Amino acid sequence: MAPPRRRATRADAQDNRARIIEIARAAFTDAPDATLQSIAKAAGVGQGTMYRHFAHREALLLAVYREDVEALIGAAPRLLAEYEPLEALRRWFARLAAYGRIKHGASLAVEAATRADLGSQYYPPVIAALGALLAAGKDAGSLRPDADADEVLLLVSFLWRADGGPDWQERTRHMLGIVVDGLRTGADG
């Protein structure tokens, strides 16, 4: 007997799922303890719809995590196609900062991702994306030749450790400026 065929997801179901993830991203950033019920209400969907897409809160946290990391990875080549390497790196760092802010606000997503071993799944592509940005800057002569993607990512890990005080955006921008200036050619002494 043939296995049952899986039905294609209806467009409205896909729209509901995307809306739930978008609302959840904002909710988890503002209130890490946001409930599935509050997110369903804000997304304009019923409890049944919410639980059809996400059986539990951790599943929703993982979906937000996956989408954010995949968007971060995909941004690197688009930024390099549109901007000179140093500006592309600066803009990628800004996206990383936004992701770090979400990650800080929803630290449970990181715990869930770790339990699901998504950290090891996404780390290599994130390093590859950052490596491509750094390589383009090195090739253009604007970044120091010893800049290593693993070390740079470790260096900017402050993004998800910084407190969320009222001036977090300005502080993040300032600290990223220091990092980028340190990566410039000639900054190695």
Protein backbone atom coordinates (compact mmCIF):
# COMPACT_ATOMS: atom_id res chain seq x y z
CA MET A 1 0.00 0.00 0.00
CA ALA A 2 1.32 3.42 -0.96
CA PRO A 3 1.90 5.98 1.79
CA PRO A 4 -0.74 8.69 2.02
CA ARG A 5 0.01 11.72 -0.08
CA ARG A 6 0.71 14.90 1.75
CA ARG A 7 -1.59 17.71 0.76
CA ALA A 8 -0.06 20.94 -0.43
CA THR A 9 -0.29 23.74 2.11
CA ARG A 10 -3.04 26.16 1.20
CA ALA A 11 -2.08 29.76 0.53
CA ASP A 12 -4.11 31.04 3.49
CA ALA A 13 -2.40 28.52 5.78
CA GLN A 14 1.00 29.71 4.54
CA ASP A 15 -0.05 33.32 5.12
CA ASN A 16 -1.24 32.47 8.64
CA ARG A 17 2.05 30.74 9.45
CA ALA A 18 4.11 33.67 8.13
CA ARG A 19 1.98 36.18 10.08
CA ILE A 20 2.29 34.12 13.28
CA ILE A 21 6.09 34.01 12.94
CA GLU A 22 6.29 37.76 12.28
CA ILE A 23 4.08 38.58 15.28
CA ALA A 24 6.02 36.11 17.43
CA ARG A 25 9.33 37.73 16.48
CA ALA A 26 8.11 41.10 17.73
CA ALA A 27 6.41 39.58 20.78
CA PHE A 28 9.46 37.61 21.88
CA THR A 29 11.66 40.68 21.44
CA ASP A 30 9.38 42.82 23.60
CA ALA A 31 8.33 40.13 26.09
CA PRO A 32 10.36 36.90 26.08
CA ASP A 33 7.63 35.18 28.07
CA ALA A 34 4.88 35.95 25.51
CA THR A 35 2.34 33.15 25.35
CA LEU A 36 1.05 31.29 22.31
CA GLN A 37 -2.41 32.62 23.14
CA SER A 38 -1.27 36.25 23.11
CA ILE A 39 0.58 35.71 19.84
CA ALA A 40 -2.43 33.99 18.24
CA LYS A 41 -4.65 36.90 19.27
CA ALA A 42 -2.21 39.49 17.92
CA ALA A 43 -1.89 37.51 14.66
CA GLY A 44 -5.67 37.33 14.31
CA VAL A 45 -5.82 33.53 14.30
CA GLY A 46 -7.62 31.08 16.55
CA GLN A 47 -6.04 28.65 18.97
CA GLY A 48 -6.64 25.75 16.58
CA THR A 49 -4.75 27.50 13.78
CA MET A 50 -1.90 28.32 16.14
CA TYR A 51 -1.56 24.75 17.38
CA ARG A 52 -1.84 23.30 13.87
CA HIS A 53 1.26 25.26 12.92
CA PHE A 54 3.09 25.19 16.25
CA ALA A 55 2.27 22.42 18.69
CA HIS A 56 4.10 24.18 21.51
CA ARG A 57 5.93 27.40 22.29
CA GLU A 58 9.36 25.91 21.63
CA ALA A 59 8.30 25.00 18.07
CA LEU A 60 7.39 28.64 17.43
CA LEU A 61 10.66 29.86 18.97
CA LEU A 62 12.56 27.50 16.66
CA ALA A 63 10.65 28.72 13.61
CA VAL A 64 11.54 32.34 14.42
CA TYR A 65 15.17 31.34 15.00
CA ARG A 66 15.41 29.45 11.70
CA GLU A 67 13.85 32.23 9.67
CA ASP A 68 16.07 34.90 11.20
CA VAL A 69 19.30 32.97 10.75
CA GLU A 70 18.43 32.02 7.16
CA ALA A 71 17.67 35.68 6.36
CA LEU A 72 20.99 36.71 7.90
CA ILE A 73 22.87 34.13 5.84
CA GLY A 74 21.07 35.11 2.63
CA ALA A 75 21.76 38.81 3.15
CA ALA A 76 25.54 38.56 2.65
CA PRO A 77 25.59 37.90 -1.12
CA ARG A 78 22.82 40.43 -1.76
CA LEU A 79 24.67 43.12 0.19
CA LEU A 80 27.92 42.37 -1.65
CA ALA A 81 26.12 42.68 -4.96
CA GLU A 82 24.73 46.08 -4.00
CA TYR A 83 27.47 47.75 -1.93
CA GLU A 84 31.23 48.01 -1.75
CA PRO A 85 32.65 45.39 0.65
CA LEU A 86 33.15 47.58 3.72
CA GLU A 87 29.63 49.02 3.49
CA ALA A 88 28.21 45.54 2.84
CA LEU A 89 29.97 44.30 5.99
CA ARG A 90 28.67 47.28 8.00
CA ARG A 91 25.10 46.60 6.81
CA TRP A 92 25.43 42.86 7.53
CA PHE A 93 26.60 43.71 11.04
CA ALA A 94 23.52 45.94 11.42
CA ARG A 95 21.35 42.93 10.50
CA LEU A 96 23.35 40.79 12.90
CA ALA A 97 22.74 43.42 15.59
CA ALA A 98 18.99 43.28 14.93
CA TYR A 99 19.14 39.49 15.09
CA GLY A 100 21.23 39.71 18.26
CA ARG A 101 18.62 41.97 19.81
CA ILE A 102 15.89 39.43 19.01
CA LYS A 103 18.10 36.61 20.22
CA HIS A 104 18.74 38.48 23.47
CA GLY A 105 15.05 39.21 23.90
CA ALA A 106 14.12 35.59 23.22
CA SER A 107 16.98 33.73 24.82
CA LEU A 108 14.67 30.75 25.10
CA ALA A 109 14.94 30.41 21.31
CA VAL A 110 18.65 29.91 21.67
CA GLU A 111 18.10 27.27 24.32
CA ALA A 112 15.51 25.56 22.11
CA ALA A 113 17.84 25.74 19.13
CA THR A 114 20.65 24.26 21.16
CA ARG A 115 18.46 21.37 22.27
CA ALA A 116 17.47 20.83 18.64
CA ASP A 117 21.16 21.15 17.65
CA LEU A 118 20.38 23.98 15.24
CA GLY A 119 23.41 25.92 16.44
CA SER A 120 25.74 23.44 14.80
CA GLN A 121 23.49 23.35 11.73
CA TYR A 122 23.58 27.11 11.18
CA TYR A 123 27.04 28.03 12.45
CA PRO A 124 28.92 26.94 9.30
CA PRO A 125 26.63 28.89 6.90
CA VAL A 126 26.83 32.00 9.11
CA ILE A 127 30.64 31.73 9.17
CA ALA A 128 30.62 31.23 5.38
CA ALA A 129 28.47 34.35 4.88
CA LEU A 130 30.73 36.43 7.13
CA GLY A 131 33.78 34.89 5.46
CA ALA A 132 32.52 35.98 2.03
CA LEU A 133 32.05 39.54 3.30
CA LEU A 134 35.53 39.57 4.83
CA ALA A 135 37.11 38.05 1.71
CA ALA A 136 35.53 40.72 -0.49
CA GLY A 137 36.89 43.42 1.81
CA LYS A 138 40.35 41.86 1.79
CA ASP A 139 40.27 41.57 -2.01
CA ALA A 140 39.28 45.23 -2.25
CA GLY A 141 42.12 46.16 0.09
CA SER A 142 39.80 47.75 2.65
CA LEU A 143 39.99 45.05 5.35
CA ARG A 144 43.02 43.75 7.16
CA PRO A 145 44.29 40.44 5.76
CA ASP A 146 44.27 38.62 9.10
CA ALA A 147 40.53 39.10 9.76
CA ASP A 148 39.10 35.65 10.45
CA ALA A 149 35.35 34.95 10.35
CA ASP A 150 35.32 32.81 13.51
CA GLU A 151 37.21 35.46 15.46
CA VAL A 152 35.11 38.34 14.12
CA LEU A 153 31.87 36.55 15.03
CA LEU A 154 33.22 35.93 18.52
CA LEU A 155 34.21 39.59 18.71
CA VAL A 156 30.70 40.81 17.84
CA SER A 157 29.01 38.37 20.20
CA PHE A 158 28.45 41.38 22.46
CA LEU A 159 25.36 41.97 20.30
CA TRP A 160 23.36 39.36 22.16
CA ARG A 161 24.97 39.99 25.53
CA ALA A 162 24.42 43.73 25.78
CA ASP A 163 21.64 44.92 28.03
CA GLY A 164 18.55 46.38 26.43
CA GLY A 165 18.79 49.81 28.03
CA PRO A 166 17.19 52.85 26.44
CA ASP A 167 20.31 53.70 24.44
CA TRP A 168 20.98 50.17 23.13
CA GLN A 169 20.66 51.18 19.48
CA GLU A 170 23.18 53.99 19.75
CA ARG A 171 25.54 51.86 21.85
CA THR A 172 25.31 49.01 19.34
CA ARG A 173 25.99 51.36 16.42
CA HIS A 174 28.99 52.82 18.28
CA MET A 175 30.45 49.42 19.22
CA LEU A 176 29.99 48.08 15.67
CA GLY A 177 31.78 51.18 14.39
CA ILE A 178 34.72 50.36 16.63
CA VAL A 179 34.76 46.77 15.32
CA VAL A 180 34.61 47.87 11.67
CA ASP A 181 37.34 50.46 12.24
CA GLY A 182 39.50 47.74 13.82
CA LEU A 183 39.00 45.55 10.76
CA ARG A 184 40.12 48.22 8.30
CA THR A 185 43.43 47.86 6.50
CA GLY A 186 46.21 49.38 8.56
CA ALA A 187 44.41 48.79 11.85
CA ASP A 188 46.71 45.87 12.63
CA GLY A 189 49.44 48.07 13.98
